[in-house]
Amino acid sequence: MGPHNTYKTRFDFLVYAGDYSTTVAYGPSFMFEDCNYYDLHLTGDNQPSSVSAGQNLHIIARSSTQQHPATASPGTNRHVDTIVFIQPASDSVTRLS
């Protein structure tokens, strides 16, 4: 989660599949771009007053576009994945047991 351009109340959310981990991320990368908290359409009984990095969410979204970033320079081991841009439909916070 980071600010969208220079806005203080609009953010870009990078989302990965699976439970939050500080060491690995599986599957494609998804991004909510230029959203505020209310754009996420949070539902359910345990809605937080804000969303932050590391929270596990159950997300229902519409795919809007895909961006295929330029590949890394020859000779590097860096891999750049596709980012799928999504639009929020409904989200709920999940609790881990």
N, C-alpha and C. Protein backbone atom coordinates (compact mmCIF):
# COMPACT_ATOMS: atom_id res chain seq x y z
N MET A 1 0.85 -1.16 0.00
CA MET A 1 0.00 0.00 0.00
C MET A 1 0.90 1.23 0.00
N GLY A 2 0.65 2.11 -0.92
CA GLY A 2 1.42 3.34 -0.99
C GLY A 2 0.56 4.47 -1.53
N PRO A 3 0.99 5.70 -1.33
CA PRO A 3 0.19 6.83 -1.81
C PRO A 3 0.09 6.83 -3.33
N HIS A 4 -1.04 7.25 -3.83
CA HIS A 4 -1.22 7.41 -5.28
C HIS A 4 -0.78 8.82 -5.64
N ASN A 5 0.28 8.90 -6.43
CA ASN A 5 0.89 10.19 -6.79
C ASN A 5 1.18 10.99 -5.52
N THR A 6 0.69 12.21 -5.44
CA THR A 6 0.97 13.05 -4.27
C THR A 6 -0.24 13.17 -3.35
N TYR A 7 -1.27 12.37 -3.59
CA TYR A 7 -2.48 12.44 -2.77
C TYR A 7 -2.24 11.90 -1.37
N LYS A 8 -2.97 12.45 -0.39
CA LYS A 8 -2.85 11.99 0.99
C LYS A 8 -3.94 11.00 1.38
N THR A 9 -5.02 10.95 0.60
CA THR A 9 -6.13 10.05 0.92
C THR A 9 -6.44 9.06 -0.19
N ARG A 10 -5.58 8.96 -1.20
CA ARG A 10 -5.75 8.02 -2.31
C ARG A 10 -4.52 7.14 -2.35
N PHE A 11 -4.73 5.84 -2.56
CA PHE A 11 -3.64 4.88 -2.46
C PHE A 11 -3.65 3.88 -3.60
N ASP A 12 -2.51 3.23 -3.80
CA ASP A 12 -2.38 2.07 -4.67
C ASP A 12 -2.13 0.88 -3.76
N PHE A 13 -2.93 -0.17 -3.92
CA PHE A 13 -2.82 -1.37 -3.09
C PHE A 13 -2.30 -2.51 -3.96
N LEU A 14 -1.15 -3.07 -3.63
CA LEU A 14 -0.62 -4.25 -4.32
C LEU A 14 -1.06 -5.46 -3.51
N VAL A 15 -1.71 -6.42 -4.18
CA VAL A 15 -2.32 -7.55 -3.51
C VAL A 15 -1.77 -8.85 -4.09
N TYR A 16 -1.45 -9.80 -3.21
CA TYR A 16 -0.99 -11.13 -3.62
C TYR A 16 -1.97 -12.18 -3.14
N ALA A 17 -2.00 -13.32 -3.81
CA ALA A 17 -2.85 -14.44 -3.38
C ALA A 17 -2.25 -15.09 -2.14
N GLY A 18 -3.10 -15.70 -1.31
CA GLY A 18 -2.62 -16.42 -0.13
C GLY A 18 -2.54 -15.54 1.10
N ASP A 19 -2.12 -16.14 2.19
CA ASP A 19 -1.98 -15.42 3.45
C ASP A 19 -0.73 -14.55 3.44
N TYR A 20 -0.76 -13.47 4.20
CA TYR A 20 0.35 -12.52 4.26
C TYR A 20 1.64 -13.20 4.73
N SER A 21 2.72 -12.89 4.07
CA SER A 21 4.05 -13.37 4.45
C SER A 21 5.06 -12.28 4.16
N THR A 22 6.06 -12.18 5.00
CA THR A 22 7.14 -11.20 4.76
C THR A 22 8.24 -11.79 3.89
N THR A 23 8.14 -13.09 3.56
CA THR A 23 9.23 -13.74 2.84
C THR A 23 8.86 -14.26 1.46
N VAL A 24 7.60 -14.59 1.21
CA VAL A 24 7.22 -15.15 -0.10
C VAL A 24 5.88 -14.58 -0.56
N ALA A 25 5.67 -14.60 -1.87
CA ALA A 25 4.39 -14.23 -2.47
C ALA A 25 4.14 -15.19 -3.63
N TYR A 26 2.95 -15.75 -3.67
CA TYR A 26 2.60 -16.72 -4.70
C TYR A 26 1.56 -16.14 -5.65
N GLY A 27 1.59 -16.61 -6.87
CA GLY A 27 0.57 -16.24 -7.83
C GLY A 27 0.81 -14.88 -8.45
N PRO A 28 -0.17 -14.41 -9.22
CA PRO A 28 -0.02 -13.11 -9.89
C PRO A 28 -0.13 -11.96 -8.90
N SER A 29 0.28 -10.80 -9.34
CA SER A 29 0.15 -9.58 -8.55
C SER A 29 -1.10 -8.85 -9.02
N PHE A 30 -1.89 -8.37 -8.07
CA PHE A 30 -3.09 -7.60 -8.38
C PHE A 30 -2.92 -6.21 -7.78
N MET A 31 -3.52 -5.21 -8.43
CA MET A 31 -3.39 -3.86 -7.90
C MET A 31 -4.71 -3.10 -7.98
N PHE A 32 -5.10 -2.52 -6.84
CA PHE A 32 -6.13 -1.50 -6.80
C PHE A 32 -5.37 -0.19 -6.97
N GLU A 33 -5.72 0.59 -7.96
CA GLU A 33 -5.00 1.83 -8.21
C GLU A 33 -5.92 3.03 -7.97
N ASP A 34 -5.38 4.04 -7.30
CA ASP A 34 -6.09 5.30 -7.07
C ASP A 34 -7.40 5.07 -6.30
N CYS A 35 -7.30 4.40 -5.15
CA CYS A 35 -8.47 4.08 -4.31
C CYS A 35 -8.31 4.72 -2.94
N ASN A 36 -9.44 4.99 -2.31
CA ASN A 36 -9.40 5.33 -0.90
C ASN A 36 -10.08 4.20 -0.13
N TYR A 37 -10.12 4.30 1.17
CA TYR A 37 -10.68 3.25 2.02
C TYR A 37 -12.11 2.89 1.61
N TYR A 38 -12.93 3.88 1.34
CA TYR A 38 -14.34 3.63 1.03
C TYR A 38 -14.53 2.99 -0.34
N ASP A 39 -13.57 3.17 -1.26
CA ASP A 39 -13.65 2.53 -2.57
C ASP A 39 -13.53 1.01 -2.47
N LEU A 40 -13.00 0.50 -1.36
CA LEU A 40 -12.81 -0.94 -1.21
C LEU A 40 -14.12 -1.67 -0.92
N HIS A 41 -15.18 -0.96 -0.56
CA HIS A 41 -16.50 -1.56 -0.32
C HIS A 41 -16.41 -2.70 0.68
N LEU A 42 -15.80 -2.45 1.84
CA LEU A 42 -15.66 -3.49 2.86
C LEU A 42 -17.02 -3.95 3.36
N THR A 43 -17.14 -5.27 3.55
CA THR A 43 -18.37 -5.86 4.05
C THR A 43 -18.04 -6.76 5.23
N GLY A 44 -19.06 -7.25 5.92
CA GLY A 44 -18.84 -8.20 7.01
C GLY A 44 -18.89 -7.53 8.37
N ASP A 45 -18.79 -8.37 9.39
CA ASP A 45 -18.93 -7.92 10.77
C ASP A 45 -17.66 -7.31 11.36
N ASN A 46 -16.50 -7.64 10.83
CA ASN A 46 -15.24 -7.20 11.44
C ASN A 46 -14.51 -6.18 10.56
N GLN A 47 -15.21 -5.14 10.13
CA GLN A 47 -14.60 -4.12 9.29
C GLN A 47 -13.67 -3.24 10.12
N PRO A 48 -12.42 -3.10 9.69
CA PRO A 48 -11.50 -2.22 10.42
C PRO A 48 -11.75 -0.76 10.05
N SER A 49 -11.22 0.15 10.83
CA SER A 49 -11.38 1.58 10.51
C SER A 49 -10.38 2.02 9.45
N SER A 50 -9.39 1.17 9.15
CA SER A 50 -8.43 1.44 8.09
C SER A 50 -7.87 0.12 7.59
N VAL A 51 -7.19 0.16 6.46
CA VAL A 51 -6.54 -1.02 5.89
C VAL A 51 -5.05 -0.75 5.83
N SER A 52 -4.25 -1.74 6.22
CA SER A 52 -2.80 -1.55 6.21
C SER A 52 -2.11 -2.78 5.65
N ALA A 53 -0.83 -2.65 5.37
CA ALA A 53 -0.03 -3.75 4.85
C ALA A 53 -0.09 -4.92 5.82
N GLY A 54 -0.21 -6.11 5.29
CA GLY A 54 -0.19 -7.31 6.10
C GLY A 54 -1.55 -7.85 6.48
N GLN A 55 -2.61 -7.10 6.21
CA GLN A 55 -3.94 -7.60 6.53
C GLN A 55 -4.36 -8.62 5.48
N ASN A 56 -5.03 -9.67 5.93
CA ASN A 56 -5.58 -10.66 5.01
C ASN A 56 -7.01 -10.28 4.67
N LEU A 57 -7.30 -10.17 3.38
CA LEU A 57 -8.61 -9.78 2.90
C LEU A 57 -9.17 -10.85 1.97
N HIS A 58 -10.46 -11.02 1.96
CA HIS A 58 -11.15 -11.82 0.95
C HIS A 58 -11.67 -10.80 -0.05
N ILE A 59 -11.21 -10.87 -1.29
CA ILE A 59 -11.48 -9.82 -2.27
C ILE A 59 -12.32 -10.37 -3.42
N ILE A 60 -13.36 -9.64 -3.76
CA ILE A 60 -14.12 -9.87 -4.98
C ILE A 60 -13.92 -8.62 -5.82
N ALA A 61 -13.37 -8.79 -7.02
CA ALA A 61 -13.03 -7.62 -7.84
C ALA A 61 -13.26 -7.90 -9.31
N ARG A 62 -13.31 -6.84 -10.08
CA ARG A 62 -13.40 -6.94 -11.53
C ARG A 62 -12.02 -6.65 -12.11
N SER A 63 -11.61 -7.44 -13.07
CA SER A 63 -10.33 -7.21 -13.74
C SER A 63 -10.55 -6.08 -14.74
N SER A 64 -9.65 -5.09 -14.70
CA SER A 64 -9.81 -3.98 -15.64
C SER A 64 -8.81 -4.06 -16.79
N THR A 65 -7.52 -4.16 -16.50
CA THR A 65 -6.52 -4.27 -17.56
C THR A 65 -5.32 -5.02 -17.03
N GLN A 66 -4.44 -5.39 -17.93
CA GLN A 66 -3.17 -5.99 -17.53
C GLN A 66 -2.04 -5.15 -18.07
N GLN A 67 -1.00 -5.04 -17.27
CA GLN A 67 0.19 -4.30 -17.69
C GLN A 67 1.34 -5.29 -17.75
N HIS A 68 2.06 -5.27 -18.83
CA HIS A 68 3.22 -6.15 -18.98
C HIS A 68 4.47 -5.28 -18.93
N PRO A 69 5.08 -5.15 -17.74
CA PRO A 69 6.27 -4.30 -17.61
C PRO A 69 7.42 -4.82 -18.47
N ALA A 70 8.33 -3.93 -18.79
CA ALA A 70 9.52 -4.33 -19.54
C ALA A 70 10.31 -5.35 -18.74
N THR A 71 10.92 -6.28 -19.43
CA THR A 71 11.71 -7.30 -18.73
C THR A 71 13.00 -6.70 -18.22
N ALA A 72 13.62 -7.39 -17.31
CA ALA A 72 14.88 -6.92 -16.70
C ALA A 72 15.99 -6.89 -17.74
N SER A 73 17.02 -6.15 -17.43
CA SER A 73 18.17 -6.05 -18.33
C SER A 73 18.81 -7.42 -18.53
N PRO A 74 19.38 -7.67 -19.71
CA PRO A 74 20.05 -8.95 -19.94
C PRO A 74 21.16 -9.17 -18.90
N GLY A 75 21.28 -10.41 -18.44
CA GLY A 75 22.32 -10.73 -17.47
C GLY A 75 21.89 -10.58 -16.03
N THR A 76 20.68 -10.10 -15.78
CA THR A 76 20.21 -9.98 -14.40
C THR A 76 19.32 -11.16 -14.07
N ASN A 77 19.15 -11.43 -12.79
CA ASN A 77 18.30 -12.53 -12.35
C ASN A 77 16.93 -12.02 -11.89
N ARG A 78 16.68 -10.76 -12.09
CA ARG A 78 15.42 -10.18 -11.63
C ARG A 78 14.29 -10.55 -12.58
N HIS A 79 13.16 -11.02 -12.02
CA HIS A 79 12.00 -11.40 -12.81
C HIS A 79 10.87 -10.42 -12.53
N VAL A 80 10.27 -9.89 -13.57
CA VAL A 80 9.18 -8.94 -13.40
C VAL A 80 7.89 -9.64 -13.83
N ASP A 81 6.93 -9.73 -12.91
CA ASP A 81 5.65 -10.37 -13.19
C ASP A 81 4.66 -9.38 -13.77
N THR A 82 3.60 -9.92 -14.32
CA THR A 82 2.49 -9.12 -14.80
C THR A 82 1.68 -8.61 -13.61
N ILE A 83 1.23 -7.40 -13.71
CA ILE A 83 0.33 -6.84 -12.70
C ILE A 83 -1.06 -6.78 -13.31
N VAL A 84 -2.05 -7.38 -12.66
CA VAL A 84 -3.42 -7.34 -13.10
C VAL A 84 -4.12 -6.24 -12.32
N PHE A 85 -4.59 -5.21 -13.01
CA PHE A 85 -5.29 -4.11 -12.36
C PHE A 85 -6.74 -4.51 -12.14
N ILE A 86 -7.22 -4.29 -10.91
CA ILE A 86 -8.57 -4.70 -10.55
C ILE A 86 -9.34 -3.54 -9.95
N GLN A 87 -10.67 -3.63 -10.02
CA GLN A 87 -11.55 -2.63 -9.43
C GLN A 87 -12.35 -3.32 -8.32
N PRO A 88 -12.40 -2.73 -7.12
CA PRO A 88 -13.09 -3.36 -6.00
C PRO A 88 -14.57 -3.56 -6.27
N ALA A 89 -15.09 -4.73 -5.90
CA ALA A 89 -16.53 -4.99 -5.91
C ALA A 89 -16.98 -5.15 -4.47
N SER A 90 -16.30 -6.02 -3.71
CA SER A 90 -16.54 -6.15 -2.28
C SER A 90 -15.35 -6.84 -1.65
N ASP A 91 -15.02 -6.43 -0.45
CA ASP A 91 -13.88 -6.99 0.27
C ASP A 91 -14.30 -7.23 1.71
N SER A 92 -13.74 -8.26 2.31
CA SER A 92 -13.97 -8.48 3.74
C SER A 92 -12.68 -8.91 4.39
N VAL A 93 -12.52 -8.56 5.65
CA VAL A 93 -11.32 -8.89 6.40
C VAL A 93 -11.44 -10.33 6.85
N THR A 94 -10.37 -11.12 6.71
CA THR A 94 -10.38 -12.49 7.17
C THR A 94 -9.54 -12.62 8.43
N ARG A 95 -9.92 -13.51 9.29
CA ARG A 95 -9.16 -13.76 10.51
C ARG A 95 -8.46 -15.10 10.39
N LEU A 96 -7.19 -15.12 10.74
CA LEU A 96 -6.45 -16.37 10.72
C LEU A 96 -6.61 -17.07 12.06
N SER A 97 -6.77 -18.40 12.01
CA SER A 97 -6.91 -19.17 13.26
C SER A 97 -5.56 -19.38 13.89
